[in-house]
Protein backbone atom coordinates (compact mmCIF):
# COMPACT_ATOMS: atom_id res chain seq x y z
CA MET A 1 -85.45 -37.78 -118.30
CA ASP A 2 -87.67 -38.78 -115.48
CA PRO A 3 -90.27 -36.28 -114.43
CA GLU A 4 -89.51 -34.30 -111.27
CA PRO A 5 -91.49 -35.25 -108.19
CA PRO A 6 -94.36 -32.97 -107.37
CA GLU A 7 -93.76 -30.33 -104.74
CA PRO A 8 -95.66 -30.68 -101.50
CA SER A 9 -98.86 -28.81 -101.33
CA THR A 10 -98.79 -25.51 -99.47
CA GLY A 11 -102.33 -24.47 -100.00
CA PRO A 12 -105.12 -23.90 -97.57
CA GLY A 13 -106.36 -27.38 -97.86
CA ALA A 14 -103.11 -28.84 -96.81
CA GLN A 15 -102.82 -26.43 -93.91
CA GLY A 16 -106.32 -27.26 -92.82
CA ALA A 17 -105.67 -30.92 -92.86
CA GLY A 18 -102.57 -30.45 -90.76
CA ALA A 19 -104.39 -28.30 -88.33
CA GLY A 20 -107.20 -30.75 -88.07
CA GLY A 21 -104.80 -33.56 -87.35
CA ASP A 22 -103.05 -31.56 -84.66
CA SER A 23 -106.36 -30.61 -83.10
CA GLY A 24 -107.37 -34.21 -82.83
CA THR A 25 -104.08 -35.14 -81.27
CA MET A 26 -104.17 -32.33 -78.69
CA SER A 27 -107.66 -33.40 -77.64
CA GLN A 28 -106.46 -36.88 -76.98
CA ASP A 29 -103.50 -35.51 -75.02
CA ALA A 30 -105.75 -33.36 -72.85
CA GLU A 31 -107.88 -36.38 -71.94
CA VAL A 32 -104.93 -38.33 -70.56
CA ASP A 33 -103.24 -35.15 -69.16
CA MET A 34 -100.02 -35.62 -71.03
CA LYS A 35 -97.44 -32.93 -71.98
CA GLU A 36 -94.65 -32.83 -74.42
CA VAL A 37 -91.09 -32.62 -73.14
CA GLU A 38 -88.01 -32.06 -75.18
CA LEU A 39 -85.65 -35.03 -74.84
CA ASN A 40 -82.67 -32.80 -74.43
CA GLU A 41 -84.42 -31.01 -71.53
CA LEU A 42 -84.95 -34.19 -69.50
CA GLU A 43 -82.48 -35.26 -66.85
CA PRO A 44 -80.55 -38.38 -67.88
CA GLU A 45 -82.32 -40.61 -65.43
CA LYS A 46 -85.72 -39.48 -66.81
CA GLN A 47 -84.87 -40.09 -70.45
CA PRO A 48 -86.68 -43.06 -72.04
CA MET A 49 -84.90 -46.26 -72.88
CA ASN A 50 -83.49 -46.57 -76.40
CA ALA A 51 -86.07 -49.10 -77.30
CA ALA A 52 -88.88 -46.90 -76.18
CA SER A 53 -87.39 -44.02 -78.06
CA GLY A 54 -87.17 -46.10 -81.15
CA ALA A 55 -90.79 -47.17 -80.84
CA ALA A 56 -91.87 -43.62 -80.27
CA GLY A 57 -89.89 -42.52 -83.31
CA SER A 58 -91.54 -45.20 -85.45
CA ALA A 59 -94.98 -44.19 -84.26
CA ALA A 60 -94.20 -40.57 -84.99
CA MET A 61 -93.05 -41.36 -88.45
CA ALA A 62 -96.07 -43.52 -89.04
CA GLY A 63 -98.49 -40.85 -87.89
CA GLY A 64 -96.53 -38.08 -89.53
CA ALA A 65 -97.80 -35.69 -86.87
CA GLU A 66 -95.21 -35.70 -84.08
CA LYS A 67 -91.85 -34.00 -84.10
CA ASN A 68 -88.55 -35.76 -83.79
CA GLY A 69 -87.09 -35.46 -80.21
CA LEU A 70 -90.48 -35.19 -78.47
CA VAL A 71 -91.94 -37.78 -76.09
CA LYS A 72 -95.02 -37.81 -74.03
CA ILE A 73 -94.42 -38.38 -70.31
CA LYS A 74 -96.95 -38.53 -67.59
CA VAL A 75 -95.55 -36.28 -64.83
CA ALA A 76 -98.44 -34.46 -63.27
CA ASP A 77 -99.63 -37.39 -61.14
CA ASP A 78 -96.03 -38.28 -60.14
CA GLU A 79 -95.36 -34.73 -58.91
CA ALA A 80 -98.55 -34.76 -56.90
CA GLU A 81 -97.63 -38.07 -55.30
CA ALA A 82 -94.10 -36.78 -54.48
CA ALA A 83 -95.50 -33.65 -52.91
CA ALA A 84 -97.89 -35.75 -50.85
CA ALA A 85 -95.05 -38.04 -49.67
CA LYS A 86 -92.73 -35.16 -48.60
CA PHE A 87 -92.21 -35.03 -44.74
CA THR A 88 -92.64 -31.58 -43.24
CA GLY A 89 -91.87 -32.51 -39.55
CA LEU A 90 -93.86 -31.98 -36.42
CA SER A 91 -95.38 -28.69 -35.55
CA LYS A 92 -94.42 -26.93 -32.32
CA GLU A 93 -97.62 -28.03 -30.63
CA GLU A 94 -97.10 -31.65 -31.71
CA LEU A 95 -93.46 -31.60 -30.54
CA LEU A 96 -94.39 -30.24 -27.10
CA LYS A 97 -97.09 -32.82 -26.79
CA VAL A 98 -94.66 -35.69 -27.59
CA ALA A 99 -91.91 -34.27 -25.34
CA GLY A 100 -94.26 -34.09 -22.42
CA SER A 101 -95.28 -37.70 -22.65
CA PRO A 102 -94.31 -39.88 -19.61
CA GLY A 103 -91.90 -42.04 -21.64
CA TRP A 104 -89.79 -39.13 -22.80
CA VAL A 105 -89.78 -37.52 -19.36
CA ARG A 106 -88.41 -40.71 -17.79
CA THR A 107 -85.79 -40.99 -20.55
CA ARG A 108 -84.55 -37.43 -19.97
CA TRP A 109 -84.23 -37.96 -16.21
CA ALA A 110 -82.35 -41.23 -16.74
CA LEU A 111 -79.86 -39.54 -19.12
CA LEU A 112 -79.36 -36.62 -16.72
CA LEU A 113 -78.71 -39.00 -13.84
CA LEU A 114 -76.20 -40.99 -15.92
CA PHE A 115 -74.35 -37.78 -16.86
CA TRP A 116 -73.91 -36.64 -13.25
CA LEU A 117 -72.94 -40.10 -12.08
CA GLY A 118 -70.27 -40.26 -14.80
CA TRP A 119 -68.99 -36.78 -13.94
CA LEU A 120 -68.78 -37.57 -10.23
CA GLY A 121 -67.00 -40.84 -11.02
CA MET A 122 -64.35 -39.09 -13.08
CA LEU A 123 -63.88 -36.49 -10.35
CA ALA A 124 -63.45 -39.19 -7.71
CA GLY A 125 -60.97 -41.02 -9.93
CA ALA A 126 -58.88 -37.87 -10.42
CA VAL A 127 -58.84 -37.18 -6.69
CA LEU A 128 -57.81 -40.76 -5.98
CA ILE A 129 -54.94 -40.55 -8.48
CA ILE A 130 -53.69 -37.32 -6.92
CA VAL A 131 -53.95 -38.68 -3.38
CA ARG A 132 -52.20 -41.95 -4.18
CA ALA A 133 -49.49 -40.40 -6.37
CA PRO A 134 -46.11 -40.04 -4.59
CA ARG A 135 -45.51 -36.54 -3.31
CA CYS A 136 -42.51 -34.65 -4.65
CA ARG A 137 -39.94 -33.72 -2.04
CA ASP A 138 -39.30 -30.06 -1.53
CA LEU A 139 -36.07 -29.01 -3.20
CA PRO A 140 -33.54 -27.76 -0.67
CA ALA A 141 -32.27 -24.22 -1.05
CA GLN A 142 -28.71 -24.44 -2.34
CA ALA A 143 -25.97 -21.83 -2.46
CA TRP A 144 -23.69 -21.48 -5.46
CA TRP A 145 -20.81 -23.36 -3.81
CA GLN A 146 -23.06 -26.39 -3.32
CA LYS A 147 -23.78 -26.73 -7.04
CA GLY A 148 -20.32 -27.64 -8.30
CA ALA A 149 -16.61 -27.87 -7.65
CA LEU A 150 -14.23 -25.23 -6.32
CA TYR A 151 -10.85 -24.70 -7.97
CA ARG A 152 -7.81 -23.46 -6.03
CA VAL A 153 -5.17 -21.28 -7.67
CA GLY A 154 -2.75 -20.89 -4.80
CA ASP A 155 0.21 -19.63 -6.82
CA LEU A 156 -0.98 -17.23 -9.48
CA GLN A 157 2.35 -17.04 -11.29
CA ALA A 158 2.85 -20.81 -11.41
CA PHE A 159 -0.69 -21.31 -12.70
CA GLN A 160 -0.19 -18.93 -15.61
CA GLY A 161 3.47 -19.51 -16.35
CA PRO A 162 6.36 -17.06 -16.65
CA GLY A 163 5.43 -13.54 -17.77
CA ALA A 164 1.71 -14.23 -17.98
CA GLY A 165 0.62 -10.96 -16.43
CA GLY A 166 -0.70 -11.64 -12.91
CA LEU A 167 -4.34 -10.75 -12.28
CA ALA A 168 -4.76 -9.27 -15.75
CA GLY A 169 -3.47 -12.49 -17.31
CA LEU A 170 -5.82 -14.60 -15.19
CA LYS A 171 -8.75 -13.07 -17.05
CA GLY A 172 -7.50 -14.88 -20.13
CA ARG A 173 -7.86 -18.22 -18.33
CA LEU A 174 -11.50 -17.72 -17.33
CA ASP A 175 -12.74 -19.51 -20.45
CA TYR A 176 -10.71 -22.53 -19.42
CA LEU A 177 -12.13 -22.44 -15.88
CA SER A 178 -15.59 -22.17 -17.39
CA SER A 179 -14.95 -25.31 -19.45
CA LEU A 180 -14.24 -27.15 -16.18
CA LYS A 181 -17.74 -26.18 -14.93
CA VAL A 182 -16.30 -24.99 -11.59
CA LYS A 183 -18.44 -22.64 -9.51
CA GLY A 184 -15.66 -20.72 -7.81
CA VAL A 185 -11.93 -20.07 -7.92
CA VAL A 186 -10.02 -19.80 -4.62
CA LEU A 187 -7.37 -17.23 -5.41
CA GLY A 188 -4.10 -16.47 -3.69
CA PRO A 189 -3.05 -15.20 -1.22
CA ILE A 190 -2.19 -12.11 -3.26
CA HIS A 191 -1.98 -9.45 -0.50
CA LYS A 192 1.17 -7.52 0.33
CA THR A 193 3.36 -9.15 2.95
CA GLN A 194 6.94 -9.51 4.08
CA LYS A 195 8.19 -12.86 5.23
CA ASP A 196 7.54 -13.35 8.97
CA ASP A 197 6.83 -9.63 9.41
CA VAL A 198 3.47 -8.69 10.91
CA ASP A 199 3.96 -4.98 10.46
CA GLY A 200 4.94 -5.45 6.82
CA THR A 201 1.73 -7.40 6.12
CA ASN A 202 -1.24 -5.49 4.71
CA LEU A 203 -4.24 -7.72 4.02
CA GLU A 204 -6.09 -4.91 2.28
CA GLN A 205 -3.45 -4.16 -0.33
CA ILE A 206 -2.60 -6.29 -3.37
CA ASP A 207 1.04 -7.13 -3.92
CA PRO A 208 2.18 -5.08 -6.96
CA ALA A 209 3.80 -8.26 -8.34
CA PHE A 210 0.27 -9.57 -9.02
CA GLY A 211 -1.33 -6.34 -10.19
CA SER A 212 -3.43 -3.47 -8.95
CA LYS A 213 -6.78 -3.17 -7.23
CA GLU A 214 -8.24 -2.12 -10.59
CA ASP A 215 -6.95 -5.34 -12.12
CA PHE A 216 -8.63 -7.28 -9.33
CA GLU A 217 -11.94 -5.46 -9.76
CA SER A 218 -11.83 -6.13 -13.51
CA LEU A 219 -11.19 -9.82 -12.80
CA LEU A 220 -14.20 -9.95 -10.45
CA GLN A 221 -16.48 -8.48 -13.10
CA SER A 222 -15.24 -10.79 -15.85
CA ALA A 223 -15.53 -13.85 -13.63
CA MET A 224 -19.08 -12.95 -12.60
CA LYS A 225 -20.11 -12.76 -16.26
CA LYS A 226 -19.06 -16.39 -16.58
CA SER A 227 -20.84 -17.37 -13.32
CA ILE A 228 -17.53 -18.00 -11.56
CA ARG A 229 -17.15 -16.58 -8.04
CA VAL A 230 -13.81 -15.38 -6.68
CA ILE A 231 -12.85 -16.49 -3.16
CA LEU A 232 -9.87 -14.66 -1.72
CA ASP A 233 -7.28 -16.46 0.41
CA LEU A 234 -6.31 -14.26 3.37
CA THR A 235 -3.79 -16.60 5.03
CA PRO A 236 -1.52 -13.85 6.41
CA ASN A 237 2.10 -15.08 6.44
CA TYR A 238 1.94 -17.16 3.24
CA ARG A 239 5.58 -16.52 2.43
CA GLY A 240 6.89 -17.37 5.89
CA GLN A 241 7.41 -20.47 7.97
CA ASP A 242 4.29 -20.06 10.09
CA SER A 243 1.08 -18.97 8.40
CA TRP A 244 0.01 -17.03 11.51
CA PHE A 245 3.37 -15.63 12.58
CA LEU A 246 4.37 -16.22 16.18
CA PRO A 247 1.87 -17.51 18.75
CA THR A 248 2.16 -14.21 20.63
CA GLN A 249 1.15 -12.33 17.50
CA THR A 250 -2.02 -14.21 16.66
CA ASP A 251 -4.33 -11.72 18.37
CA ALA A 252 -2.97 -8.83 16.32
CA VAL A 253 -3.21 -10.90 13.17
CA ALA A 254 -6.80 -11.89 13.98
CA THR A 255 -7.68 -8.20 14.20
CA LYS A 256 -6.16 -7.64 10.75
CA ILE A 257 -8.28 -10.49 9.37
CA THR A 258 -11.46 -9.01 10.86
CA ASP A 259 -10.81 -5.63 9.25
CA ALA A 260 -9.85 -7.18 5.91
CA LEU A 261 -13.07 -9.21 5.70
CA SER A 262 -15.25 -6.10 5.64
CA PHE A 263 -12.92 -4.37 3.18
CA TRP A 264 -12.95 -7.16 0.60
CA LEU A 265 -16.65 -7.90 1.01
CA GLN A 266 -17.31 -4.32 -0.03
CA ALA A 267 -15.00 -4.86 -3.00
CA GLY A 268 -17.21 -7.72 -4.22
CA VAL A 269 -15.47 -10.99 -3.35
CA ALA A 270 -17.70 -14.05 -2.89
CA GLY A 271 -15.86 -15.45 0.14
CA PHE A 272 -12.60 -16.12 1.94
CA GLN A 273 -10.19 -18.89 2.73
CA VAL A 274 -7.76 -19.16 5.64
CA ARG A 275 -5.41 -22.11 6.02
CA ASP A 276 -3.60 -23.83 8.89
CA VAL A 277 -6.34 -22.77 11.29
CA GLU A 278 -5.38 -25.50 13.75
CA LYS A 279 -2.42 -23.25 14.66
CA LEU A 280 -4.70 -20.45 15.80
CA LYS A 281 -5.39 -19.93 19.48
CA ASN A 282 -9.14 -20.27 20.06
CA ALA A 283 -9.57 -21.23 16.42
CA PRO A 284 -13.25 -22.35 16.72
CA LEU A 285 -14.28 -19.02 18.25
CA LEU A 286 -12.35 -16.97 15.69
CA LEU A 287 -13.83 -18.97 12.81
CA ALA A 288 -17.32 -18.40 14.22
CA GLU A 289 -16.64 -14.66 14.46
CA TRP A 290 -15.32 -14.44 10.90
CA GLN A 291 -18.22 -16.52 9.67
CA ASN A 292 -20.68 -14.11 11.31
CA ILE A 293 -19.03 -11.14 9.62
CA THR A 294 -19.18 -12.88 6.26
CA LYS A 295 -22.79 -13.99 6.61
CA SER A 296 -23.99 -10.67 8.03
CA PHE A 297 -22.91 -9.04 4.80
CA SER A 298 -24.79 -11.63 2.73
CA GLU A 299 -25.92 -15.23 3.12
CA ASP A 300 -24.45 -15.76 -0.33
CA ARG A 301 -20.89 -15.35 0.98
CA LEU A 302 -18.62 -18.26 1.94
CA LEU A 303 -15.86 -18.94 4.44
CA ILE A 304 -13.44 -21.83 3.91
CA ALA A 305 -11.07 -23.04 6.61
CA GLY A 306 -8.13 -25.28 5.82
CA THR A 307 -6.27 -27.56 8.19
CA GLY A 308 -3.42 -29.98 7.83
CA SER A 309 -5.02 -32.28 10.39
CA SER A 310 -6.52 -35.64 9.49
CA ASP A 311 -8.01 -36.29 12.94
CA LEU A 312 -11.80 -36.44 12.83
CA GLN A 313 -12.35 -35.12 16.34
CA GLU A 314 -10.12 -32.11 15.74
CA ILE A 315 -11.92 -31.43 12.49
CA LEU A 316 -15.30 -31.59 14.22
CA SER A 317 -14.15 -29.20 16.94
CA LEU A 318 -13.26 -26.63 14.27
CA LEU A 319 -16.62 -27.04 12.58
CA GLU A 320 -18.79 -26.91 15.68
CA PRO A 321 -19.31 -23.18 16.32
CA ALA A 322 -19.63 -22.03 12.70
CA LYS A 323 -22.62 -22.86 10.56
CA ASP A 324 -22.12 -23.39 6.80
CA LEU A 325 -18.35 -23.36 7.18
CA LEU A 326 -16.49 -25.44 4.59
CA LEU A 327 -13.40 -27.24 5.84
CA THR A 328 -10.64 -28.73 3.71
CA SER A 329 -8.29 -31.17 5.39
CA SER A 330 -6.09 -34.22 4.93
CA TYR A 331 -8.78 -36.51 6.30
CA LEU A 332 -9.11 -38.62 3.13
CA ALA A 333 -5.36 -38.71 2.57
CA ALA A 334 -4.77 -41.22 5.33
CA ALA A 335 -3.40 -44.52 4.02
CA PRO A 336 -4.05 -47.30 3.16
CA PHE A 337 -5.87 -46.60 -0.08
CA THR A 338 -8.19 -49.59 0.02
CA GLY A 339 -11.90 -49.79 -0.63
CA GLU A 340 -12.70 -50.83 2.93
CA HIS A 341 -10.63 -48.02 4.46
CA VAL A 342 -12.04 -45.28 2.24
CA GLU A 343 -15.56 -46.54 2.87
CA THR A 344 -14.96 -46.36 6.62
CA LEU A 345 -13.57 -42.82 6.42
CA VAL A 346 -16.48 -41.53 4.35
CA ALA A 347 -19.14 -43.26 6.43
CA GLN A 348 -17.68 -41.98 9.71
CA TYR A 349 -17.37 -38.42 8.45
CA LEU A 350 -20.91 -38.29 7.11
CA SER A 351 -22.30 -39.86 10.25
CA ALA A 352 -20.47 -37.36 12.46
CA THR A 353 -21.41 -34.27 10.48
CA ARG A 354 -25.03 -35.31 10.03
CA GLY A 355 -25.46 -35.68 13.77
CA HIS A 356 -23.22 -32.78 14.66
CA LEU A 357 -25.89 -30.12 14.43
CA THR A 358 -29.19 -30.53 16.22
CA ASN A 359 -31.33 -28.91 13.54
CA ASP A 360 -29.87 -30.12 10.26
CA SER A 361 -27.04 -31.95 8.56
CA ARG A 362 -23.88 -30.04 7.76
CA TRP A 363 -22.83 -29.53 4.17
CA CYS A 364 -19.51 -31.26 3.56
CA SER A 365 -16.55 -30.53 1.36
CA TRP A 366 -14.17 -33.16 -0.02
CA SER A 367 -10.47 -32.88 -0.78
CA LEU A 368 -7.26 -34.66 0.12
CA SER A 369 -5.49 -31.60 1.47
CA GLN A 370 -5.94 -27.91 2.17
CA LYS A 371 -3.72 -26.82 -0.74
CA GLY A 372 -1.73 -29.69 -2.32
CA LEU A 373 -2.19 -31.65 -5.51
CA LEU A 374 -3.88 -35.04 -5.73
CA THR A 375 -0.70 -36.54 -7.13
CA SER A 376 1.07 -35.69 -3.88
CA PHE A 377 -1.21 -38.05 -1.94
CA VAL A 378 -2.84 -40.52 -4.30
CA PRO A 379 -1.04 -43.25 -6.28
CA ALA A 380 -1.11 -42.52 -10.01
CA PRO A 381 -3.38 -45.51 -10.93
CA LEU A 382 -6.05 -44.18 -8.54
CA LEU A 383 -6.26 -40.60 -9.83
CA ARG A 384 -9.28 -41.29 -12.04
CA LEU A 385 -10.92 -43.24 -9.26
CA TYR A 386 -10.58 -40.31 -6.86
CA GLN A 387 -12.00 -37.88 -9.38
CA LEU A 388 -15.12 -40.04 -9.61
CA LEU A 389 -15.23 -40.38 -5.83
CA LEU A 390 -14.97 -36.66 -5.06
CA PHE A 391 -17.55 -35.68 -7.68
CA THR A 392 -20.18 -38.19 -6.49
CA LEU A 393 -19.96 -37.90 -2.69
CA PRO A 394 -22.59 -35.67 -0.99
CA GLY A 395 -20.88 -32.30 -0.68
CA THR A 396 -18.61 -29.89 -2.55
CA PRO A 397 -15.46 -31.25 -4.23
CA VAL A 398 -12.41 -28.98 -3.93
CA PHE A 399 -9.48 -29.34 -6.32
CA SER A 400 -6.16 -27.60 -6.86
CA TYR A 401 -5.08 -26.39 -10.27
CA GLY A 402 -3.52 -29.24 -12.20
CA ASP A 403 -5.59 -31.99 -10.55
CA GLU A 404 -7.60 -32.21 -13.74
CA ILE A 405 -4.55 -33.23 -15.79
CA GLY A 406 -2.62 -35.18 -13.15
CA LEU A 407 -0.03 -32.43 -12.62
CA LYS A 408 2.82 -33.42 -10.33
CA ALA A 409 4.49 -31.17 -7.79
CA ALA A 410 8.00 -30.12 -8.71
CA ALA A 411 10.76 -30.92 -6.23
CA LEU A 412 14.50 -30.72 -6.25
CA PRO A 413 16.59 -33.24 -4.32
CA GLY A 414 16.64 -32.26 -0.68
CA GLN A 415 14.27 -29.34 -1.22
CA PRO A 416 10.57 -28.98 -0.33
CA GLU A 417 8.00 -29.26 -3.07
CA GLN A 418 7.41 -26.14 -5.09
CA ALA A 419 4.23 -25.03 -6.80
CA PRO A 420 4.47 -26.57 -10.28
CA VAL A 421 3.92 -24.62 -13.45
CA MET A 422 0.64 -25.46 -15.11
CA LEU A 423 1.29 -27.44 -18.28
CA TRP A 424 -0.78 -25.60 -20.85
CA ASP A 425 1.20 -26.98 -23.79
CA GLU A 426 4.54 -28.57 -24.54
CA SER A 427 6.37 -25.29 -24.14
CA SER A 428 5.47 -25.18 -20.42
CA SER A 429 8.71 -26.71 -19.19
CA PHE A 430 9.75 -24.18 -16.59
CA ASN A 431 10.27 -25.70 -13.12
CA THR A 432 9.36 -29.20 -14.23
CA SER A 433 11.27 -32.30 -13.24
CA GLY A 434 11.48 -33.74 -16.75
CA PRO A 435 10.45 -33.39 -20.40
CA VAL A 436 6.86 -32.47 -21.17
CA SER A 437 4.88 -34.63 -23.61
CA SER A 438 1.59 -33.64 -25.20
CA ASN A 439 -0.44 -36.13 -23.15
CA MET A 440 0.63 -34.28 -20.00
CA THR A 441 -0.68 -30.89 -21.12
CA VAL A 442 -4.05 -29.17 -21.22
CA LYS A 443 -3.83 -28.86 -25.00
CA GLY A 444 -3.00 -32.51 -25.55
CA GLN A 445 -5.59 -33.86 -23.12
CA SER A 446 -8.31 -31.59 -24.50
CA GLU A 447 -7.92 -33.38 -27.83
CA ASP A 448 -8.04 -36.85 -26.25
CA THR A 449 -11.51 -38.19 -25.42
CA GLY A 450 -10.01 -40.75 -23.04
CA SER A 451 -7.85 -38.32 -21.07
CA LEU A 452 -8.03 -37.43 -17.39
CA LEU A 453 -9.03 -33.87 -18.32
CA THR A 454 -11.95 -35.10 -20.43
CA LEU A 455 -13.15 -37.28 -17.57
CA PHE A 456 -12.90 -34.34 -15.15
CA ARG A 457 -14.96 -32.09 -17.41
CA ARG A 458 -17.66 -34.68 -17.96
CA LEU A 459 -17.94 -35.55 -14.28
CA SER A 460 -18.06 -31.88 -13.31
CA ASP A 461 -20.79 -31.19 -15.85
CA HIS A 462 -22.85 -34.18 -14.71
CA ARG A 463 -22.42 -33.28 -11.04
CA GLY A 464 -23.90 -29.83 -11.63
CA LYS A 465 -26.96 -31.09 -13.54
CA GLU A 466 -28.31 -34.13 -11.73
CA ARG A 467 -30.35 -33.63 -8.57
CA SER A 468 -29.41 -37.02 -7.19
CA LEU A 469 -25.75 -35.95 -7.28
CA LEU A 470 -26.43 -32.36 -6.23
CA HIS A 471 -28.30 -33.08 -3.01
CA GLY A 472 -29.45 -36.71 -3.14
CA ASP A 473 -29.48 -39.26 -0.35
CA PHE A 474 -26.44 -41.49 0.15
CA HIS A 475 -26.46 -45.23 0.87
CA VAL A 476 -23.43 -47.50 1.14
CA LEU A 477 -23.84 -51.01 -0.31
CA PRO A 478 -22.02 -54.20 0.68
CA SER A 479 -19.77 -55.39 -2.14
CA GLY A 480 -16.66 -57.42 -2.83
CA PRO A 481 -13.26 -56.99 -1.15
CA ASN A 482 -11.41 -53.74 -1.88
CA LEU A 483 -14.58 -52.29 -3.40
CA PHE A 484 -16.52 -49.23 -2.31
CA SER A 485 -20.09 -49.02 -3.63
CA TYR A 486 -22.90 -46.57 -2.91
CA VAL A 487 -26.17 -45.22 -4.32
CA ARG A 488 -27.20 -41.57 -4.76
CA HIS A 489 -30.90 -40.85 -5.25
CA TRP A 490 -33.34 -37.98 -4.93
CA ASP A 491 -37.13 -38.24 -5.04
CA GLN A 492 -38.34 -39.31 -8.51
CA ASN A 493 -35.15 -38.39 -10.39
CA GLU A 494 -32.58 -40.65 -12.03
CA ARG A 495 -30.64 -42.78 -9.53
CA TYR A 496 -26.89 -43.46 -9.59
CA LEU A 497 -24.79 -46.40 -8.51
CA VAL A 498 -21.06 -45.82 -7.97
CA VAL A 499 -18.73 -48.83 -7.81
CA LEU A 500 -15.01 -48.25 -7.12
CA ASN A 501 -12.34 -50.94 -7.31
CA PHE A 502 -9.28 -49.83 -5.32
CA GLY A 503 -7.50 -53.13 -5.93
CA ASP A 504 -4.86 -53.93 -8.52
CA VAL A 505 -6.76 -57.00 -9.76
CA GLY A 506 -10.07 -57.29 -11.58
CA GLN A 507 -12.97 -58.69 -9.60
CA PRO A 508 -16.77 -59.02 -9.66
CA ALA A 509 -18.80 -56.41 -7.84
CA ARG A 510 -20.99 -58.99 -6.09
CA LEU A 511 -23.91 -56.61 -5.94
CA GLU A 512 -27.45 -57.92 -5.81
CA ALA A 513 -30.87 -56.51 -6.46
CA SER A 514 -32.38 -54.81 -3.43
CA SER A 515 -34.79 -57.64 -2.75
CA SER A 516 -31.82 -59.94 -2.09
CA LEU A 517 -29.93 -57.61 0.26
CA PRO A 518 -29.88 -58.29 4.00
CA ALA A 519 -32.23 -56.15 6.04
CA SER A 520 -29.39 -54.14 7.57
CA ALA A 521 -28.16 -53.07 4.13
CA SER A 522 -31.47 -52.72 2.29
CA LEU A 523 -32.07 -49.61 0.26
CA PRO A 524 -35.31 -47.66 0.55
CA ALA A 525 -37.98 -49.03 -1.74
CA SER A 526 -37.74 -45.89 -3.87
CA ALA A 527 -34.06 -46.60 -4.60
CA SER A 528 -34.20 -50.35 -5.15
CA LEU A 529 -31.52 -51.72 -7.44
CA PRO A 530 -32.82 -53.22 -10.69
CA ALA A 531 -31.42 -56.26 -12.44
CA ARG A 532 -29.88 -54.10 -15.19
CA LEU A 533 -28.33 -50.63 -15.19
CA ASP A 534 -26.99 -48.22 -17.82
CA LEU A 535 -23.29 -47.34 -17.88
CA LEU A 536 -22.60 -43.61 -17.90
CA PHE A 537 -18.88 -43.43 -17.18
CA SER A 538 -15.96 -45.74 -16.66
CA THR A 539 -12.60 -44.48 -15.45
CA GLN A 540 -10.96 -46.93 -17.84
CA PRO A 541 -11.21 -46.58 -21.64
CA GLY A 542 -12.79 -49.40 -23.60
CA ARG A 543 -16.23 -49.68 -22.01
CA GLU A 544 -19.23 -48.95 -24.21
CA GLU A 545 -20.95 -45.99 -22.62
CA GLY A 546 -24.72 -46.29 -22.52
CA ALA A 547 -24.56 -50.08 -22.52
CA SER A 548 -27.01 -51.99 -20.34
CA LEU A 549 -25.10 -54.06 -17.79
CA GLU A 550 -26.44 -56.93 -15.74
CA LEU A 551 -26.03 -56.23 -12.05
CA GLY A 552 -25.34 -59.82 -11.09
CA ARG A 553 -22.50 -60.12 -13.62
CA LEU A 554 -20.83 -56.77 -13.05
CA LYS A 555 -17.04 -57.07 -13.07
CA LEU A 556 -14.50 -54.27 -12.65
CA GLU A 557 -10.99 -53.99 -14.02
CA PRO A 558 -8.06 -53.09 -11.73
CA HIS A 559 -8.42 -49.53 -10.34
CA GLU A 560 -11.65 -49.04 -12.27
CA GLY A 561 -14.59 -46.97 -11.20
CA LEU A 562 -18.08 -47.11 -12.72
CA LEU A 563 -20.93 -44.63 -12.64
CA LEU A 564 -24.21 -46.35 -13.53
CA SER A 565 -27.75 -45.02 -13.68
CA PHE A 566 -31.21 -46.49 -13.28
CA PRO A 567 -34.65 -44.87 -13.37
CA TYR A 568 -37.10 -44.18 -10.59
CA VAL A 569 -39.88 -46.77 -10.34
CA ALA A 570 -43.01 -45.90 -8.38
C-alpha cells in the first residue's frame, strides 16, 4: 500500500509563515489604497469580466494567499470623483443675481406681454363670434289650444255606441283621445233642453240621459290628468230647428248664456263653444261680451264660435270685436277642390287675419265645417291630403270624431244626415249604411301602419313637437298645376316643405332651389330651399320614409301629399 500523504502542518511555524505572507500583502494593498470586496456583494454592472475573474483566480491560486470570491477594486478615487462631479444647484444668492440680470428681465417682460396679448385676442374673438352669431327669436307665448288639435264629440251617445254609459263611459275613451295627441275635446251640448222651448232649456243642468254633475266633474279631473281640456258646447236649442230659438227670443237666450258661462267656469271647464252664431242679432257684440267673461276668469280659457257661412267678409265681421276668438266655418269647404283654389283660399284668409288687428296677427283655426265630418265635404281620395293640410297650416286644426278613420255620416233616403256611430270594431254596426269591415274601424286601422288613423296620429304628434309647425312662418311657393306648396320655418329649427297634389294624375312638383326663384316668390335667406330634402311623410303608402329626395326631380302621385324637412343653414 502506498504511504498516506503527510498532513498539513498546523504548528507555530506554519502559522507564522501565513501571517507573514498576509502582512506583506496587506502592506502592498495599503500603498495602492485597495480594498477587498466580496463578488456576491457587488452590483452586476460592477462585477469583473469572466476573463478578469479567471486571471484573478489563477493569481490567487498561484500565490496561495487570496481567498476564492475576492477581488481587489479601486473605488476610493472613483467615489471622490463622483462626489466632485455631483451638481448641487445654485444658491439663493446666485439665483437672485442671475434672475436680476438684464437679459432675464427683458425675457420675463416679453413673456408677460405675449400672455396678455394672447388673452385679449381670445376675448376679442369670443366677442366677435357672439356678435356675429344669429340671434334666436323670442318664443311666442302659446296657450294650450295653440299646441295641437281640438276634437269635437258633438253626439256623446253616437261617439260611444249604444249603452256605453254617457259621461261616465266617456272616461273610458280618454286613453284613445290621448293617443290622438289632441289638446282638447269639444263636448256636447249636454245640457237639459226641450225642443224649441226656451223655458224648458236649462244651460246649467246636465241632461240626465248623459249623466250627473258628479259624472261631469269626474270626467274633468280624469281628462286633466291626461292633459286634455274639456270645452263645453252651450248651443242652446241643439235639438230644435233653430239653434237660437226664435229671433224674438235671442235676447233672453243671450242672458242664459251669460249666466251659464260663469257657472261652468267655476265648475272647471276650459272653454265654450257656440254654433250658428251668424243667426244671432248683434252677434259680434255678444261674442265680444262672452269672450270678456271667459278671459276675465282666466286667460287660459277659450271661446269657440261656429258658423255655417263660407263668406270671408262675414267671417271677419264676427272675428273683429273679440280677441283670441277661434272660429270654425265652412270657408275651406267651398268647391272646387283644386290646388290653385285651396291656395287662394288659404292665402286670402291668412292675409286678412294678419292685417285684421292693428297690434298683432290673429291666431287661426282650420276646419271644413262647424260640426260635420270631413267625408261630408271632401272627396274620399283627398281625405289624407286634407289631414296633412290642416295639421301643417299656421293655426289650430279642429276635427270631428271619426275624421281620423274616414267615418261617413249615416243617412236614410230622404232623411237628413244623422250623427254616425263611431266604428270602434266590427261589432259597431248600429245606424250604419252598410256592413262594417275591419279596415273601417279604430281597431283595424290601429293595427295597420298605412291606415288613415296611423297617419292622423303621426301628424298630430309631429305638429305638437316641431316649432316650425307650432308657430313658424308661412310662405307659399309657386309650383305645378293643381299643386299647393308652402314652407314652414322658425328661427334656427328644422324647416318643412309641404307639397300637395290635388289632381288625379301624377305630376312633377317643378320646385326649384331658392336661388332660382323669381324675386316675388323668393324665400327669406334663412329658409332657402336646398337641392335635396328628407321625406318625413307621404299620404300614399310605398314611399321610403327618411329617403333623401332631389328637389328638381320631385314627382307626386295622384292625390299625394308630401311632408319634407331640411335643416337650418346659417
